[in-house]
Structure formats: C-alpha cells, structure tokens
Amino acid sequence: PMAIMLRSHKLQNDEVASTVRCIVRCGAGTNNIPVSEMTERGIPVFNTPGANANAVKELVLCALFLAARGIVEGIAHTKDVINVEEKGDYTAISKRIEADKKMFVGS
C-alpha cells in the first residue's frame, strides 16, 4: 500500500511495508503509531484532530430532536397500532395520520 489510515489499531513497525509513503490517524493523537521509527524511515505521520466534530454535532442534534419530538414513539405507534387498525392499507393510514395530526394543533 502507498498509505495507511487507521483509528485505534496499535500499528507495529513490521506492519508498515516499504511502499508506504505516509500514515494518518483518524482522530487526535498518534500514541498508537511508532512515530520515531516512521520518522527514521522517512514516512510522515499525520493526525486529524477535530475532523469528525461536525458529524458528532449532527448526531447529537439528531438524538435531541428524536427524543424531544417523540419520533421513535410515533413510528412505533404507527406500526403497532394504526397499521393494525387500518389493516395495512397505506392510503387509509396516510389519511388517518393527517386527520390525527389536527388533534395537536397549537400544543
């Protein structure tokens, strides 16, 4: 390989082929890479601190919205109650959901 990309694997010197031109750790720190040995071999080592910060932020916001709005509970209610009562008729289910939403206007 020309490059090695890793996250938590503890890289050993003998795992790095002579074809490798660089090593990158996805995340902060390089404690799982033998940096001094790689430097002696002329292989630069990079890390990416904070590179996944936006993804973490998006997941946290998604979880907050799911919890605050009862999305998971709504899906379960639709699947376990409304779907059964409407006998799986998706047109009837859609109409029922639209009609039921009116009960929550202004709340």
PDB file of N, CA and C in Angstrom:
ATOM      1  N   PRO A   1       0.836  -1.211   0.000  1.00  0.00           N
ATOM      2  CA  PRO A   1       0.000   0.000   0.000  1.00  0.00           C
ATOM      3  C   PRO A   1       0.870   1.260   0.000  1.00  0.00           C
ATOM      4  N   MET A   2       0.306   2.331  -0.508  1.00  0.00           N
ATOM      5  CA  MET A   2       1.008   3.607  -0.542  1.00  0.00           C
ATOM      6  C   MET A   2       0.803   4.404   0.740  1.00  0.00           C
ATOM      7  N   ALA A   3      -0.294   4.121   1.446  1.00  0.00           N
ATOM      8  CA  ALA A   3      -0.614   4.869   2.668  1.00  0.00           C
ATOM      9  C   ALA A   3      -1.341   3.951   3.638  1.00  0.00           C
ATOM     10  N   ILE A   4      -1.309   4.333   4.902  1.00  0.00           N
ATOM     11  CA  ILE A   4      -2.053   3.614   5.938  1.00  0.00           C
ATOM     12  C   ILE A   4      -2.921   4.628   6.663  1.00  0.00           C
ATOM     13  N   MET A   5      -4.200   4.287   6.805  1.00  0.00           N
ATOM     14  CA  MET A   5      -5.138   5.117   7.552  1.00  0.00           C
ATOM     15  C   MET A   5      -5.705   4.242   8.664  1.00  0.00           C
ATOM     16  N   LEU A   6      -5.615   4.718   9.884  1.00  0.00           N
ATOM     17  CA  LEU A   6      -6.109   3.913  10.999  1.00  0.00           C
ATOM     18  C   LEU A   6      -6.743   4.794  12.060  1.00  0.00           C
ATOM     19  N   ARG A   7      -7.442   4.151  12.975  1.00  0.00           N
ATOM     20  CA  ARG A   7      -8.078   4.883  14.063  1.00  0.00           C
ATOM     21  C   ARG A   7      -7.496   4.439  15.407  1.00  0.00           C
ATOM     22  N   SER A   8      -7.768   3.220  15.834  1.00  0.00           N
ATOM     23  CA  SER A   8      -7.319   2.802  17.167  1.00  0.00           C
ATOM     24  C   SER A   8      -6.347   1.631  17.130  1.00  0.00           C
ATOM     25  N   HIS A   9      -6.133   1.057  15.962  1.00  0.00           N
ATOM     26  CA  HIS A   9      -5.193  -0.072  15.841  1.00  0.00           C
ATOM     27  C   HIS A   9      -3.794   0.350  16.274  1.00  0.00           C
ATOM     28  N   LYS A  10      -3.150  -0.466  17.096  1.00  0.00           N
ATOM     29  CA  LYS A  10      -1.779  -0.184  17.527  1.00  0.00           C
ATOM     30  C   LYS A  10      -0.842  -0.695  16.439  1.00  0.00           C
ATOM     31  N   LEU A  11      -0.351   0.228  15.634  1.00  0.00           N
ATOM     32  CA  LEU A  11       0.485  -0.103  14.488  1.00  0.00           C
ATOM     33  C   LEU A  11       1.881  -0.507  14.940  1.00  0.00           C
ATOM     34  N   GLN A  12       2.361  -1.611  14.416  1.00  0.00           N
ATOM     35  CA  GLN A  12       3.708  -2.092  14.708  1.00  0.00           C
ATOM     36  C   GLN A  12       4.621  -1.760  13.525  1.00  0.00           C
ATOM     37  N   ASN A  13       5.872  -1.545  13.808  1.00  0.00           N
ATOM     38  CA  ASN A  13       6.847  -1.178  12.781  1.00  0.00           C
ATOM     39  C   ASN A  13       6.880  -2.196  11.641  1.00  0.00           C
ATOM     40  N   ASP A  14       6.799  -3.489  11.975  1.00  0.00           N
ATOM     41  CA  ASP A  14       6.888  -4.522  10.938  1.00  0.00           C
ATOM     42  C   ASP A  14       5.623  -4.634  10.087  1.00  0.00           C
ATOM     43  N   GLU A  15       4.542  -3.953  10.445  1.00  0.00           N
ATOM     44  CA  GLU A  15       3.317  -3.948   9.637  1.00  0.00           C
ATOM     45  C   GLU A  15       3.378  -2.937   8.493  1.00  0.00           C
ATOM     46  N   VAL A  16       4.363  -2.058   8.523  1.00  0.00           N
ATOM     47  CA  VAL A  16       4.451  -0.975   7.546  1.00  0.00           C
ATOM     48  C   VAL A  16       5.368  -1.410   6.401  1.00  0.00           C
ATOM     49  N   ALA A  17       4.757  -1.605   5.235  1.00  0.00           N
ATOM     50  CA  ALA A  17       5.514  -2.050   4.058  1.00  0.00           C
ATOM     51  C   ALA A  17       6.448  -0.949   3.560  1.00  0.00           C
ATOM     52  N   SER A  18       7.421  -1.336   2.782  1.00  0.00           N
ATOM     53  CA  SER A  18       8.380  -0.364   2.250  1.00  0.00           C
ATOM     54  C   SER A  18       7.736   0.571   1.228  1.00  0.00           C
ATOM     55  N   THR A  19       6.560   0.224   0.728  1.00  0.00           N
ATOM     56  CA  THR A  19       5.864   1.059  -0.267  1.00  0.00           C
ATOM     57  C   THR A  19       5.084   2.208   0.373  1.00  0.00           C
ATOM     58  N   VAL A  20       4.902   2.166   1.690  1.00  0.00           N
ATOM     59  CA  VAL A  20       4.097   3.180   2.386  1.00  0.00           C
ATOM     60  C   VAL A  20       4.810   4.525   2.345  1.00  0.00           C
ATOM     61  N   ARG A  21       4.064   5.562   1.936  1.00  0.00           N
ATOM     62  CA  ARG A  21       4.614   6.916   1.827  1.00  0.00           C
ATOM     63  C   ARG A  21       4.122   7.840   2.940  1.00  0.00           C
ATOM     64  N   CYS A  22       3.008   7.478   3.613  1.00  0.00           N
ATOM     65  CA  CYS A  22       2.521   8.277   4.734  1.00  0.00           C
ATOM     66  C   CYS A  22       1.550   7.447   5.560  1.00  0.00           C
ATOM     67  N   ILE A  23       1.363   7.888   6.807  1.00  0.00           N
ATOM     68  CA  ILE A  23       0.431   7.236   7.727  1.00  0.00           C
ATOM     69  C   ILE A  23      -0.433   8.333   8.340  1.00  0.00           C
ATOM     70  N   VAL A  24      -1.733   8.085   8.416  1.00  0.00           N
ATOM     71  CA  VAL A  24      -2.636   9.066   9.016  1.00  0.00           C
ATOM     72  C   VAL A  24      -3.491   8.374  10.072  1.00  0.00           C
ATOM     73  N   ARG A  25      -3.659   9.046  11.178  1.00  0.00           N
ATOM     74  CA  ARG A  25      -4.562   8.568  12.221  1.00  0.00           C
ATOM     75  C   ARG A  25      -5.808   9.429  12.178  1.00  0.00           C
ATOM     76  N   CYS A  26      -6.952   8.794  12.037  1.00  0.00           N
ATOM     77  CA  CYS A  26      -8.237   9.496  12.022  1.00  0.00           C
ATOM     78  C   CYS A  26      -8.615   9.803  13.463  1.00  0.00           C
ATOM     79  N   GLY A  27      -8.320  10.995  13.909  1.00  0.00           N
ATOM     80  CA  GLY A  27      -8.582  11.406  15.281  1.00  0.00           C
ATOM     81  C   GLY A  27      -7.377  12.134  15.840  1.00  0.00           C
ATOM     82  N   ALA A  28      -7.469  12.462  17.108  1.00  0.00           N
ATOM     83  CA  ALA A  28      -6.393  13.205  17.765  1.00  0.00           C
ATOM     84  C   ALA A  28      -5.319  12.251  18.275  1.00  0.00           C
ATOM     85  N   GLY A  29      -4.101  12.734  18.315  1.00  0.00           N
ATOM     86  CA  GLY A  29      -3.011  11.952  18.875  1.00  0.00           C
ATOM     87  C   GLY A  29      -2.418  10.962  17.901  1.00  0.00           C
ATOM     88  N   THR A  30      -1.239  10.478  18.251  1.00  0.00           N
ATOM     89  CA  THR A  30      -0.552   9.462  17.443  1.00  0.00           C
ATOM     90  C   THR A  30       0.062   8.402  18.350  1.00  0.00           C
ATOM     91  N   ASN A  31      -0.513   8.197  19.530  1.00  0.00           N
ATOM     92  CA  ASN A  31       0.063   7.274  20.511  1.00  0.00           C
ATOM     93  C   ASN A  31       0.006   5.807  20.076  1.00  0.00           C
ATOM     94  N   ASN A  32      -0.721   5.499  19.017  1.00  0.00           N
ATOM     95  CA  ASN A  32      -0.801   4.123  18.542  1.00  0.00           C
ATOM     96  C   ASN A  32       0.048   3.896  17.284  1.00  0.00           C
ATOM     97  N   ILE A  33       0.925   4.865  16.990  1.00  0.00           N
ATOM     98  CA  ILE A  33       1.801   4.783  15.821  1.00  0.00           C
ATOM     99  C   ILE A  33       3.246   4.989  16.295  1.00  0.00           C
ATOM    100  N   PRO A  34       4.176   4.160  15.865  1.00  0.00           N
ATOM    101  CA  PRO A  34       5.581   4.352  16.254  1.00  0.00           C
ATOM    102  C   PRO A  34       6.194   5.513  15.449  1.00  0.00           C
ATOM    103  N   VAL A  35       5.917   6.717  15.889  1.00  0.00           N
ATOM    104  CA  VAL A  35       6.296   7.919  15.138  1.00  0.00           C
ATOM    105  C   VAL A  35       7.804   8.014  14.936  1.00  0.00           C
ATOM    106  N   SER A  36       8.592   7.771  15.965  1.00  0.00           N
ATOM    107  CA  SER A  36      10.054   7.915  15.825  1.00  0.00           C
ATOM    108  C   SER A  36      10.607   6.937  14.788  1.00  0.00           C
ATOM    109  N   GLU A  37      10.100   5.695  14.789  1.00  0.00           N
ATOM    110  CA  GLU A  37      10.547   4.718  13.791  1.00  0.00           C
ATOM    111  C   GLU A  37      10.135   5.132  12.384  1.00  0.00           C
ATOM    112  N   MET A  38       8.929   5.662  12.268  1.00  0.00           N
ATOM    113  CA  MET A  38       8.459   6.098  10.951  1.00  0.00           C
ATOM    114  C   MET A  38       9.265   7.300  10.467  1.00  0.00           C
ATOM    115  N   THR A  39       9.620   8.198  11.386  1.00  0.00           N
ATOM    116  CA  THR A  39      10.440   9.359  11.029  1.00  0.00           C
ATOM    117  C   THR A  39      11.802   8.899  10.525  1.00  0.00           C
ATOM    118  N   GLU A  40      12.397   7.917  11.183  1.00  0.00           N
ATOM    119  CA  GLU A  40      13.687   7.372  10.747  1.00  0.00           C
ATOM    120  C   GLU A  40      13.593   6.778   9.344  1.00  0.00           C
ATOM    121  N   ARG A  41      12.430   6.222   9.026  1.00  0.00           N
ATOM    122  CA  ARG A  41      12.223   5.618   7.696  1.00  0.00           C
ATOM    123  C   ARG A  41      11.785   6.657   6.658  1.00  0.00           C
ATOM    124  N   GLY A  42      11.578   7.905   7.087  1.00  0.00           N
ATOM    125  CA  GLY A  42      11.170   8.963   6.154  1.00  0.00           C
ATOM    126  C   GLY A  42       9.691   8.945   5.827  1.00  0.00           C
ATOM    127  N   ILE A  43       8.894   8.350   6.704  1.00  0.00           N
ATOM    128  CA  ILE A  43       7.447   8.260   6.491  1.00  0.00           C
ATOM    129  C   ILE A  43       6.763   9.272   7.412  1.00  0.00           C
ATOM    130  N   PRO A  44       6.133  10.306   6.840  1.00  0.00           N
ATOM    131  CA  PRO A  44       5.442  11.271   7.688  1.00  0.00           C
ATOM    132  C   PRO A  44       4.183  10.671   8.318  1.00  0.00           C
ATOM    133  N   VAL A  45       3.891  11.114   9.536  1.00  0.00           N
ATOM    134  CA  VAL A  45       2.710  10.667  10.271  1.00  0.00           C
ATOM    135  C   VAL A  45       1.829  11.883  10.528  1.00  0.00           C
ATOM    136  N   PHE A  46       0.552  11.760  10.169  1.00  0.00           N
ATOM    137  CA  PHE A  46      -0.415  12.843  10.350  1.00  0.00           C
ATOM    138  C   PHE A  46      -1.512  12.392  11.296  1.00  0.00           C
ATOM    139  N   ASN A  47      -2.208  13.346  11.886  1.00  0.00           N
ATOM    140  CA  ASN A  47      -3.440  13.040  12.606  1.00  0.00           C
ATOM    141  C   ASN A  47      -4.491  14.073  12.220  1.00  0.00           C
ATOM    142  N   THR A  48      -5.719  13.815  12.593  1.00  0.00           N
ATOM    143  CA  THR A  48      -6.831  14.689  12.174  1.00  0.00           C
ATOM    144  C   THR A  48      -7.693  15.078  13.377  1.00  0.00           C
ATOM    145  N   PRO A  49      -7.149  15.834  14.319  1.00  0.00           N
ATOM    146  CA  PRO A  49      -7.949  16.193  15.498  1.00  0.00           C
ATOM    147  C   PRO A  49      -9.140  17.068  15.108  1.00  0.00           C
ATOM    148  N   GLY A  50     -10.290  16.710  15.623  1.00  0.00           N
ATOM    149  CA  GLY A  50     -11.496  17.501  15.385  1.00  0.00           C
ATOM    150  C   GLY A  50     -12.133  17.303  14.022  1.00  0.00           C
ATOM    151  N   ALA A  51     -11.590  16.414  13.197  1.00  0.00           N
ATOM    152  CA  ALA A  51     -12.119  16.248  11.842  1.00  0.00           C
ATOM    153  C   ALA A  51     -13.548  15.717  11.833  1.00  0.00           C
ATOM    154  N   ASN A  52     -13.928  14.989  12.855  1.00  0.00           N
ATOM    155  CA  ASN A  52     -15.288  14.446  12.893  1.00  0.00           C
ATOM    156  C   ASN A  52     -16.220  15.279  13.765  1.00  0.00           C
ATOM    157  N   ALA A  53     -15.812  16.484  14.136  1.00  0.00           N
ATOM    158  CA  ALA A  53     -16.620  17.311  15.038  1.00  0.00           C
ATOM    159  C   ALA A  53     -17.995  17.619  14.449  1.00  0.00           C
ATOM    160  N   ASN A  54     -18.069  17.916  13.160  1.00  0.00           N
ATOM    161  CA  ASN A  54     -19.372  18.206  12.549  1.00  0.00           C
ATOM    162  C   ASN A  54     -20.282  16.987  12.577  1.00  0.00           C
ATOM    163  N   ALA A  55     -19.732  15.812  12.314  1.00  0.00           N
ATOM    164  CA  ALA A  55     -20.540  14.594  12.344  1.00  0.00           C
ATOM    165  C   ALA A  55     -21.072  14.331  13.749  1.00  0.00           C
ATOM    166  N   VAL A  56     -20.234  14.541  14.752  1.00  0.00           N
ATOM    167  CA  VAL A  56     -20.668  14.351  16.144  1.00  0.00           C
ATOM    168  C   VAL A  56     -21.776  15.343  16.474  1.00  0.00           C
ATOM    169  N   LYS A  57     -21.596  16.594  16.075  1.00  0.00           N
ATOM    170  CA  LYS A  57     -22.615  17.623  16.321  1.00  0.00           C
ATOM    171  C   LYS A  57     -23.938  17.220  15.679  1.00  0.00           C
ATOM    172  N   GLU A  58     -23.896  16.747  14.433  1.00  0.00           N
ATOM    173  CA  GLU A  58     -25.116  16.355  13.735  1.00  0.00           C
ATOM    174  C   GLU A  58     -25.807  15.182  14.428  1.00  0.00           C
ATOM    175  N   LEU A  59     -25.026  14.217  14.885  1.00  0.00           N
ATOM    176  CA  LEU A  59     -25.620  13.077  15.589  1.00  0.00           C
ATOM    177  C   LEU A  59     -26.258  13.496  16.907  1.00  0.00           C
ATOM    178  N   VAL A  60     -25.617  14.409  17.629  1.00  0.00           N
ATOM    179  CA  VAL A  60     -26.175  14.896  18.897  1.00  0.00           C
ATOM    180  C   VAL A  60     -27.474  15.639  18.642  1.00  0.00           C
ATOM    181  N   LEU A  61     -27.495  16.518  17.656  1.00  0.00           N
ATOM    182  CA  LEU A  61     -28.729  17.246  17.337  1.00  0.00           C
ATOM    183  C   LEU A  61     -29.837  16.291  16.907  1.00  0.00           C
ATOM    184  N   CYS A  62     -29.491  15.306  16.102  1.00  0.00           N
ATOM    185  CA  CYS A  62     -30.479  14.314  15.676  1.00  0.00           C
ATOM    186  C   CYS A  62     -31.074  13.593  16.887  1.00  0.00           C
ATOM    187  N   ALA A  63     -30.221  13.185  17.808  1.00  0.00           N
ATOM    188  CA  ALA A  63     -30.697  12.491  19.007  1.00  0.00           C
ATOM    189  C   ALA A  63     -31.597  13.393  19.842  1.00  0.00           C
ATOM    190  N   LEU A  64     -31.229  14.671  19.962  1.00  0.00           N
ATOM    191  CA  LEU A  64     -32.059  15.615  20.718  1.00  0.00           C
ATOM    192  C   LEU A  64     -33.431  15.784  20.075  1.00  0.00           C
ATOM    193  N   PHE A  65     -33.450  15.939  18.752  1.00  0.00           N
ATOM    194  CA  PHE A  65     -34.727  16.091  18.053  1.00  0.00           C
ATOM    195  C   PHE A  65     -35.574  14.827  18.170  1.00  0.00           C
ATOM    196  N   LEU A  66     -34.943  13.678  18.008  1.00  0.00           N
ATOM    197  CA  LEU A  66     -35.688  12.417  18.126  1.00  0.00           C
ATOM    198  C   LEU A  66     -36.306  12.280  19.516  1.00  0.00           C
ATOM    199  N   ALA A  67     -35.539  12.628  20.536  1.00  0.00           N
ATOM    200  CA  ALA A  67     -36.031  12.494  21.908  1.00  0.00           C
ATOM    201  C   ALA A  67     -37.093  13.536  22.226  1.00  0.00           C
ATOM    202  N   ALA A  68     -36.879  14.779  21.802  1.00  0.00           N
ATOM    203  CA  ALA A  68     -37.790  15.866  22.153  1.00  0.00           C
ATOM    204  C   ALA A  68     -39.135  15.761  21.447  1.00  0.00           C
ATOM    205  N   ARG A  69     -39.135  15.257  20.235  1.00  0.00           N
ATOM    206  CA  ARG A  69     -40.373  15.216  19.448  1.00  0.00           C
ATOM    207  C   ARG A  69     -41.074  13.863  19.499  1.00  0.00           C
ATOM    208  N   GLY A  70     -40.519  12.889  20.166  1.00  0.00           N
ATOM    209  CA  GLY A  70     -41.166  11.576  20.264  1.00  0.00           C
ATOM    210  C   GLY A  70     -41.253  10.868  18.922  1.00  0.00           C
ATOM    211  N   ILE A  71     -40.270  11.045  18.075  1.00  0.00           N
ATOM    212  CA  ILE A  71     -40.283  10.454  16.730  1.00  0.00           C
ATOM    213  C   ILE A  71     -40.310   8.934  16.802  1.00  0.00           C
ATOM    214  N   VAL A  72     -39.452   8.364  17.615  1.00  0.00           N
ATOM    215  CA  VAL A  72     -39.377   6.903  17.714  1.00  0.00           C
ATOM    216  C   VAL A  72     -40.698   6.341  18.224  1.00  0.00           C
ATOM    217  N   GLU A  73     -41.269   7.009  19.217  1.00  0.00           N
ATOM    218  CA  GLU A  73     -42.551   6.563  19.755  1.00  0.00           C
ATOM    219  C   GLU A  73     -43.653   6.677  18.706  1.00  0.00           C
ATOM    220  N   GLY A  74     -43.612   7.744  17.912  1.00  0.00           N
ATOM    221  CA  GLY A  74     -44.607   7.923  16.847  1.00  0.00           C
ATOM    222  C   GLY A  74     -44.522   6.844  15.790  1.00  0.00           C
ATOM    223  N   ILE A  75     -43.312   6.478  15.437  1.00  0.00           N
ATOM    224  CA  ILE A  75     -43.130   5.401  14.454  1.00  0.00           C
ATOM    225  C   ILE A  75     -43.655   4.084  15.021  1.00  0.00           C
ATOM    226  N   ALA A  76     -43.337   3.819  16.291  1.00  0.00           N
ATOM    227  CA  ALA A  76     -43.811   2.586  16.922  1.00  0.00           C
ATOM    228  C   ALA A  76     -45.335   2.566  17.006  1.00  0.00           C
ATOM    229  N   HIS A  77     -45.952   3.700  17.349  1.00  0.00           N
ATOM    230  CA  HIS A  77     -47.421   3.777  17.426  1.00  0.00           C
ATOM    231  C   HIS A  77     -48.047   3.535  16.054  1.00  0.00           C
ATOM    232  N   THR A  78     -47.461   4.132  15.034  1.00  0.00           N
ATOM    233  CA  THR A  78     -47.987   3.945  13.684  1.00  0.00           C
ATOM    234  C   THR A  78     -47.898   2.481  13.276  1.00  0.00           C
ATOM    235  N   LYS A  79     -46.754   1.871  13.546  1.00  0.00           N
ATOM    236  CA  LYS A  79     -46.540   0.479  13.154  1.00  0.00           C
ATOM    237  C   LYS A  79     -47.401  -0.489  13.971  1.00  0.00           C
ATOM    238  N   ASP A  80     -47.461  -0.296  15.279  1.00  0.00           N
ATOM    239  CA  ASP A  80     -48.103  -1.271  16.161  1.00  0.00           C
ATOM    240  C   ASP A  80     -49.596  -1.047  16.363  1.00  0.00           C
ATOM    241  N   VAL A  81     -50.078   0.202  16.186  1.00  0.00           N
ATOM    242  CA  VAL A  81     -51.491   0.499  16.453  1.00  0.00           C
ATOM    243  C   VAL A  81     -52.223   0.878  15.167  1.00  0.00           C
ATOM    244  N   ILE A  82     -51.803   1.979  14.563  1.00  0.00           N
ATOM    245  CA  ILE A  82     -52.537   2.484  13.395  1.00  0.00           C
ATOM    246  C   ILE A  82     -52.487   1.488  12.242  1.00  0.00           C
ATOM    247  N   ASN A  83     -51.329   0.931  11.973  1.00  0.00           N
ATOM    248  CA  ASN A  83     -51.202  -0.039  10.885  1.00  0.00           C
ATOM    249  C   ASN A  83     -52.126  -1.238  11.104  1.00  0.00           C
ATOM    250  N   VAL A  84     -52.211  -1.701  12.350  1.00  0.00           N
ATOM    251  CA  VAL A  84     -53.074  -2.844  12.674  1.00  0.00           C
ATOM    252  C   VAL A  84     -54.542  -2.454  12.509  1.00  0.00           C
ATOM    253  N   GLU A  85     -54.921  -1.281  13.051  1.00  0.00           N
ATOM    254  CA  GLU A  85     -56.312  -0.846  12.971  1.00  0.00           C
ATOM    255  C   GLU A  85     -56.758  -0.587  11.534  1.00  0.00           C
ATOM    256  N   GLU A  86     -55.839  -0.110  10.705  1.00  0.00           N
ATOM    257  CA  GLU A  86     -56.188   0.183   9.305  1.00  0.00           C
ATOM    258  C   GLU A  86     -55.862  -0.989   8.382  1.00  0.00           C
ATOM    259  N   LYS A  87     -55.494  -2.117   8.968  1.00  0.00           N
ATOM    260  CA  LYS A  87     -55.234  -3.374   8.252  1.00  0.00           C
ATOM    261  C   LYS A  87     -54.198  -3.231   7.133  1.00  0.00           C
ATOM    262  N   GLY A  88     -53.175  -2.400   7.376  1.00  0.00           N
ATOM    263  CA  GLY A  88     -52.085  -2.266   6.424  1.00  0.00           C
ATOM    264  C   GLY A  88     -52.400  -1.481   5.166  1.00  0.00           C
ATOM    265  N   ASP A  89     -53.569  -0.850   5.099  1.00  0.00           N
ATOM    266  CA  ASP A  89     -53.954  -0.044   3.923  1.00  0.00           C
ATOM    267  C   ASP A  89     -53.252   1.313   4.013  1.00  0.00           C
ATOM    268  N   TYR A  90     -52.194   1.479   3.210  1.00  0.00           N
ATOM    269  CA  TYR A  90     -51.363   2.675   3.314  1.00  0.00           C
ATOM    270  C   TYR A  90     -52.107   3.965   2.991  1.00  0.00           C
ATOM    271  N   THR A  91     -53.084   3.916   2.122  1.00  0.00           N
ATOM    272  CA  THR A  91     -53.887   5.107   1.836  1.00  0.00           C
ATOM    273  C   THR A  91     -54.688   5.499   3.072  1.00  0.00           C
ATOM    274  N   ALA A  92     -55.314   4.515   3.720  1.00  0.00           N
ATOM    275  CA  ALA A  92     -56.088   4.776   4.934  1.00  0.00           C
ATOM    276  C   ALA A  92     -55.166   5.238   6.068  1.00  0.00           C
ATOM    277  N   ILE A  93     -53.986   4.644   6.162  1.00  0.00           N
ATOM    278  CA  ILE A  93     -53.026   5.036   7.200  1.00  0.00           C
ATOM    279  C   ILE A  93     -52.625   6.490   7.010  1.00  0.00           C
ATOM    280  N   SER A  94     -52.334   6.878   5.782  1.00  0.00           N
ATOM    281  CA  SER A  94     -51.935   8.252   5.486  1.00  0.00           C
ATOM    282  C   SER A  94     -53.034   9.240   5.852  1.00  0.00           C
ATOM    283  N   LYS A  95     -54.255   8.916   5.474  1.00  0.00           N
ATOM    284  CA  LYS A  95     -55.392   9.801   5.802  1.00  0.00           C
ATOM    285  C   LYS A  95     -55.600   9.883   7.308  1.00  0.00           C
ATOM    286  N   ARG A  96     -55.461   8.765   7.989  1.00  0.00           N
ATOM    287  CA  ARG A  96     -55.637   8.731   9.441  1.00  0.00           C
ATOM    288  C   ARG A  96     -54.589   9.589  10.138  1.00  0.00           C
ATOM    289  N   ILE A  97     -53.349   9.480   9.702  1.00  0.00           N
ATOM    290  CA  ILE A  97     -52.280  10.269  10.321  1.00  0.00           C
ATOM    291  C   ILE A  97     -52.524  11.752  10.106  1.00  0.00           C
ATOM    292  N   GLU A  98     -52.894  12.142   8.891  1.00  0.00           N
ATOM    293  CA  GLU A  98     -53.167  13.558   8.615  1.00  0.00           C
ATOM    294  C   GLU A  98     -54.330  14.068   9.471  1.00  0.00           C
ATOM    295  N   ALA A  99     -55.371  13.249   9.636  1.00  0.00           N
ATOM    296  CA  ALA A  99     -56.520  13.645  10.461  1.00  0.00           C
ATOM    297  C   ALA A  99     -56.126  13.719  11.939  1.00  0.00           C
ATOM    298  N   ASP A 100     -55.337  12.757  12.399  1.00  0.00           N
ATOM    299  CA  ASP A 100     -54.921  12.730  13.814  1.00  0.00           C
ATOM    300  C   ASP A 100     -54.005  13.880  14.173  1.00  0.00           C
ATOM    301  N   LYS A 101     -53.215  14.369  13.214  1.00  0.00           N
ATOM    302  CA  LYS A 101     -52.309  15.490  13.491  1.00  0.00           C
ATOM    303  C   LYS A 101     -53.073  16.732  13.903  1.00  0.00           C
ATOM    304  N   LYS A 102     -54.296  16.874  13.459  1.00  0.00           N
ATOM    305  CA  LYS A 102     -55.110  18.068  13.788  1.00  0.00           C
ATOM    306  C   LYS A 102     -55.414  18.137  15.269  1.00  0.00           C
ATOM    307  N   MET A 103     -55.338  17.002  15.977  1.00  0.00           N
ATOM    308  CA  MET A 103     -55.588  16.991  17.406  1.00  0.00           C
ATOM    309  C   MET A 103     -54.501  17.747  18.169  1.00  0.00           C
ATOM    310  N   PHE A 104     -53.340  17.945  17.554  1.00  0.00           N
ATOM    311  CA  PHE A 104     -52.203  18.539  18.248  1.00  0.00           C
ATOM    312  C   PHE A 104     -51.891  19.959  17.814  1.00  0.00           C
ATOM    313  N   VAL A 105     -52.754  20.583  17.035  1.00  0.00           N
ATOM    314  CA  VAL A 105     -52.518  21.946  16.576  1.00  0.00           C
ATOM    315  C   VAL A 105     -52.501  22.879  17.769  1.00  0.00           C
ATOM    316  N   GLY A 106     -51.454  23.677  17.862  1.00  0.00           N
ATOM    317  CA  GLY A 106     -51.336  24.653  18.934  1.00  0.00           C
ATOM    318  C   GLY A 106     -50.798  24.103  20.238  1.00  0.00           C
ATOM    319  N   SER A 107     -50.460  22.842  20.279  1.00  0.00           N
ATOM    320  CA  SER A 107     -49.927  22.311  21.541  1.00  0.00           C
ATOM    321  C   SER A 107     -48.435  22.295  21.537  1.00  0.00           C
TER     322      SER A 107
END
